[in-house]
C-alpha atoms as a PDB file:
ATOM      1  CA  MET A   1     123.392 134.088  78.724  1.00  0.00           C
ATOM      2  CA  PRO A   2     122.806 130.252  79.188  1.00  0.00           C
ATOM      3  CA  SER A   3     121.132 128.366  76.523  1.00  0.00           C
ATOM      4  CA  TYR A   4     117.596 127.159  77.166  1.00  0.00           C
ATOM      5  CA  ALA A   5     118.767 123.555  77.269  1.00  0.00           C
ATOM      6  CA  ALA A   6     121.548 124.350  79.897  1.00  0.00           C
ATOM      7  CA  SER A   7     118.793 126.179  81.909  1.00  0.00           C
ATOM      8  CA  ARG A   8     116.486 123.152  82.197  1.00  0.00           C
ATOM      9  CA  SER A   9     116.444 121.198  85.547  1.00  0.00           C
ATOM     10  CA  ASP A  10     117.706 117.698  85.697  1.00  0.00           C
ATOM     11  CA  GLY A  11     114.173 116.565  85.929  1.00  0.00           C
ATOM     12  CA  GLU A  12     113.293 118.096  82.758  1.00  0.00           C
ATOM     13  CA  ARG A  13     116.437 116.843  80.923  1.00  0.00           C
ATOM     14  CA  ASP A  14     115.370 113.214  82.204  1.00  0.00           C
ATOM     15  CA  VAL A  15     111.786 113.880  80.715  1.00  0.00           C
ATOM     16  CA  LEU A  16     113.308 114.826  77.316  1.00  0.00           C
ATOM     17  CA  ALA A  17     115.523 111.703  77.445  1.00  0.00           C
ATOM     18  CA  VAL A  18     112.565 109.434  78.154  1.00  0.00           C
ATOM     19  CA  ILE A  19     110.619 110.961  75.464  1.00  0.00           C
ATOM     20  CA  ALA A  20     113.421 110.521  72.966  1.00  0.00           C
ATOM     21  CA  ARG A  21     113.751 106.882  74.120  1.00  0.00           C
ATOM     22  CA  PHE A  22     110.197 106.250  73.615  1.00  0.00           C
ATOM     23  CA  LYS A  23     110.179 107.871  70.095  1.00  0.00           C
ATOM     24  CA  GLU A  24     113.312 105.871  69.254  1.00  0.00           C
ATOM     25  CA  LYS A  25     111.947 102.516  70.252  1.00  0.00           C
ATOM     26  CA  ASP A  26     108.733 103.076  68.310  1.00  0.00           C
ATOM     27  CA  PRO A  27     108.955 106.175  65.991  1.00  0.00           C
ATOM     28  CA  ASP A  28     105.165 106.104  65.508  1.00  0.00           C
ATOM     29  CA  LEU A  29     104.903 107.306  69.126  1.00  0.00           C
ATOM     30  CA  ALA A  30     105.980 110.757  67.902  1.00  0.00           C
ATOM     31  CA  LYS A  31     102.445 111.106  66.415  1.00  0.00           C
ATOM     32  CA  THR A  32     100.900 110.148  69.654  1.00  0.00           C
ATOM     33  CA  PHE A  33     102.843 112.784  71.477  1.00  0.00           C
ATOM     34  CA  ARG A  34     101.786 115.373  68.959  1.00  0.00           C
ATOM     35  CA  GLU A  35      98.189 114.440  68.877  1.00  0.00           C
ATOM     36  CA  ALA A  36      97.514 113.760  72.623  1.00  0.00           C
ATOM     37  CA  TYR A  37      95.994 116.769  74.302  1.00  0.00           C
ATOM     38  CA  GLY A  38      98.425 116.253  77.030  1.00  0.00           C
ATOM     39  CA  TYR A  39     100.697 113.848  78.796  1.00  0.00           C
ATOM     40  CA  ALA A  40     102.578 113.140  82.029  1.00  0.00           C
ATOM     41  CA  VAL A  41     106.068 111.785  81.993  1.00  0.00           C
ATOM     42  CA  PHE A  42     107.597 109.877  84.892  1.00  0.00           C
ATOM     43  CA  PRO A  43     111.198 109.189  84.141  1.00  0.00           C
ATOM     44  CA  THR A  44     111.647 106.945  87.094  1.00  0.00           C
ATOM     45  CA  VAL A  45     109.028 104.943  88.812  1.00  0.00           C
ATOM     46  CA  GLY A  46     110.265 102.641  91.571  1.00  0.00           C
ATOM     47  CA  LYS A  47     107.948  99.667  92.401  1.00  0.00           C
ATOM     48  CA  GLY A  48     108.544  97.123  95.174  1.00  0.00           C
ATOM     49  CA  GLY A  49     106.879  95.119  97.928  1.00  0.00           C
ATOM     50  CA  ILE A  50     106.541  91.961  99.931  1.00  0.00           C
ATOM     51  CA  GLY A  51     102.820  91.194 100.155  1.00  0.00           C
ATOM     52  CA  ILE A  52     101.870  94.792 100.387  1.00  0.00           C
ATOM     53  CA  GLY A  53     103.719  97.044  97.937  1.00  0.00           C
ATOM     54  CA  GLY A  54     103.780 100.256  96.115  1.00  0.00           C
ATOM     55  CA  ALA A  55     105.032 102.486  93.365  1.00  0.00           C
ATOM     56  CA  ARG A  56     106.328 106.026  93.342  1.00  0.00           C
ATOM     57  CA  GLY A  57     107.668 108.465  90.814  1.00  0.00           C
ATOM     58  CA  LYS A  58     107.801 112.104  90.113  1.00  0.00           C
ATOM     59  CA  GLY A  59     107.011 113.587  86.769  1.00  0.00           C
ATOM     60  CA  TYR A  60     106.229 116.560  84.637  1.00  0.00           C
ATOM     61  CA  VAL A  61     102.865 117.236  82.993  1.00  0.00           C
ATOM     62  CA  TYR A  62     102.369 118.734  79.545  1.00  0.00           C
ATOM     63  CA  GLU A  63      99.296 120.326  77.901  1.00  0.00           C
ATOM     64  CA  GLN A  64      99.576 120.552  74.083  1.00  0.00           C
ATOM     65  CA  GLY A  65     103.354 120.017  74.198  1.00  0.00           C
ATOM     66  CA  ARG A  66     103.870 122.782  76.819  1.00  0.00           C
ATOM     67  CA  LEU A  67     105.003 122.223  80.431  1.00  0.00           C
ATOM     68  CA  ILE A  68     102.420 123.058  82.894  1.00  0.00           C
ATOM     69  CA  GLY A  69     103.497 121.570  86.092  1.00  0.00           C
ATOM     70  CA  ARG A  70     104.710 118.545  88.105  1.00  0.00           C
ATOM     71  CA  SER A  71     102.965 115.460  89.448  1.00  0.00           C
ATOM     72  CA  THR A  72     103.749 112.647  91.835  1.00  0.00           C
ATOM     73  CA  LEU A  73     102.560 109.116  90.909  1.00  0.00           C
ATOM     74  CA  THR A  74     101.674 107.014  93.996  1.00  0.00           C
ATOM     75  CA  GLN A  75     100.294 103.459  94.011  1.00  0.00           C
ATOM     76  CA  VAL A  76      99.449 100.887  96.705  1.00  0.00           C
ATOM     77  CA  THR A  77      99.162  97.278  95.827  1.00  0.00           C
ATOM     78  CA  ILE A  78      98.027  94.284  97.937  1.00  0.00           C
ATOM     79  CA  GLY A  79      98.480  90.766  96.711  1.00  0.00           C
ATOM     80  CA  LEU A  80     101.239  88.278  95.789  1.00  0.00           C
ATOM     81  CA  GLN A  81     104.481  90.197  95.193  1.00  0.00           C
ATOM     82  CA  LEU A  82     107.974  90.126  96.082  1.00  0.00           C
ATOM     83  CA  GLY A  83     110.932  92.200  94.881  1.00  0.00           C
ATOM     84  CA  GLY A  84     111.110  95.446  93.080  1.00  0.00           C
ATOM     85  CA  GLN A  85     111.678  97.121  89.613  1.00  0.00           C
ATOM     86  CA  SER A  86     112.287 100.482  88.079  1.00  0.00           C
ATOM     87  CA  PHE A  87     110.505 101.975  85.076  1.00  0.00           C
ATOM     88  CA  SER A  88     109.661 104.934  83.040  1.00  0.00           C
ATOM     89  CA  GLU A  89     105.996 105.761  82.236  1.00  0.00           C
ATOM     90  CA  VAL A  90     103.997 108.056  80.149  1.00  0.00           C
ATOM     91  CA  VAL A  91     100.454 108.821  80.640  1.00  0.00           C
ATOM     92  CA  PHE A  92      98.751 110.176  77.531  1.00  0.00           C
ATOM     93  CA  PHE A  93      95.503 112.323  77.872  1.00  0.00           C
ATOM     94  CA  LYS A  94      93.322 112.246  74.740  1.00  0.00           C
ATOM     95  CA  ASP A  95      91.378 115.273  75.494  1.00  0.00           C
ATOM     96  CA  ARG A  96      90.982 118.290  77.689  1.00  0.00           C
ATOM     97  CA  ALA A  97      88.558 116.654  79.963  1.00  0.00           C
ATOM     98  CA  ALA A  98      90.948 113.755  80.784  1.00  0.00           C
ATOM     99  CA  LEU A  99      93.758 116.173  81.434  1.00  0.00           C
ATOM    100  CA  GLU A 100      91.437 118.241  83.737  1.00  0.00           C
ATOM    101  CA  ASP A 101      90.441 115.173  85.603  1.00  0.00           C
ATOM    102  CA  PHE A 102      94.060 114.316  86.320  1.00  0.00           C
ATOM    103  CA  LYS A 103      94.788 117.957  87.190  1.00  0.00           C
ATOM    104  CA  ARG A 104      91.929 117.907  89.771  1.00  0.00           C
ATOM    105  CA  GLY A 105      92.964 114.657  91.258  1.00  0.00           C
ATOM    106  CA  ARG A 106      89.887 112.890  89.857  1.00  0.00           C
ATOM    107  CA  LEU A 107      91.728 110.510  87.474  1.00  0.00           C
ATOM    108  CA  LYS A 108      91.917 106.963  89.036  1.00  0.00           C
ATOM    109  CA  LEU A 109      94.555 104.756  87.352  1.00  0.00           C
ATOM    110  CA  ASP A 110      93.059 101.462  88.556  1.00  0.00           C
ATOM    111  CA  ALA A 111      92.908  98.012  86.949  1.00  0.00           C
ATOM    112  CA  GLN A 112      90.745  99.438  84.041  1.00  0.00           C
ATOM    113  CA  ALA A 113      93.778 101.687  83.014  1.00  0.00           C
ATOM    114  CA  SER A 114      96.231  99.069  81.895  1.00  0.00           C
ATOM    115  CA  ALA A 115      99.647  99.968  80.707  1.00  0.00           C
ATOM    116  CA  ILE A 116     101.263  98.553  77.488  1.00  0.00           C
ATOM    117  CA  ALA A 117     104.951  97.873  77.533  1.00  0.00           C
ATOM    118  CA  LEU A 118     107.053  99.865  75.079  1.00  0.00           C
ATOM    119  CA  THR A 119     107.790  98.020  71.878  1.00  0.00           C
ATOM    120  CA  ALA A 120     108.491  98.697  68.313  1.00  0.00           C
ATOM    121  CA  ARG A 121     104.833  98.752  67.718  1.00  0.00           C
ATOM    122  CA  ALA A 122     103.500 100.273  71.061  1.00  0.00           C
ATOM    123  CA  ALA A 123     101.795 103.066  69.238  1.00  0.00           C
ATOM    124  CA  ALA A 124      99.633 100.568  67.130  1.00  0.00           C
ATOM    125  CA  ASP A 125      98.639  98.779  70.290  1.00  0.00           C
ATOM    126  CA  LEU A 126      97.804 101.931  72.233  1.00  0.00           C
ATOM    127  CA  SER A 127      94.215 102.339  73.224  1.00  0.00           C
ATOM    128  CA  TYR A 128      92.553 105.012  75.159  1.00  0.00           C
ATOM    129  CA  ARG A 129      90.369 104.069  78.108  1.00  0.00           C
ATOM    130  CA  GLU A 130      88.224 106.819  79.687  1.00  0.00           C
ATOM    131  CA  GLY A 131      90.620 109.351  77.794  1.00  0.00           C
ATOM    132  CA  VAL A 132      93.741 107.885  79.144  1.00  0.00           C
ATOM    133  CA  ALA A 133      96.466 105.566  77.700  1.00  0.00           C
ATOM    134  CA  ILE A 134      99.640 104.485  79.546  1.00  0.00           C
ATOM    135  CA  VAL A 135     103.011 103.339  78.103  1.00  0.00           C
ATOM    136  CA  THR A 136     105.682 101.956  80.285  1.00  0.00           C
ATOM    137  CA  VAL A 137     109.452 100.609  79.718  1.00  0.00           C
ATOM    138  CA  ALA A 138     111.685  98.984  82.221  1.00  0.00           C
ATOM    139  CA  LYS A 139     114.583 101.012  83.090  1.00  0.00           C
ATOM    140  CA  GLY A 140     117.691  99.653  81.256  1.00  0.00           C
ATOM    141  CA  GLY A 141     115.400  97.544  79.051  1.00  0.00           C
END
């Protein structure tokens, strides 16, 4: 009989690696993962453009620490931009209402929902806006 870890998909293993990386970079984020009602983890989000750009990534959604589904992050941007980048992102949901809005597609992550970069003190700087907080880290950074 295969172990639970062996039966996980590559995507789920990527999510666990991202969570471990976030907690390693800032150990206080372990508390944020525990206390958030839910979170969505996007192991790789690719972003790029020339004038008009966009970002896309596939992730997994958790409610009270339990996997409940998958999600796709899609963003379109217009403005001065050139090039591309790749990053990991975690979207934390403070309460059930914020997670339910996300599940229903009602959550709009616009300019008001600004992400903070993962640093050794990201948890201290983390603030929820309309029940949502976002942390990102550059891939390889």
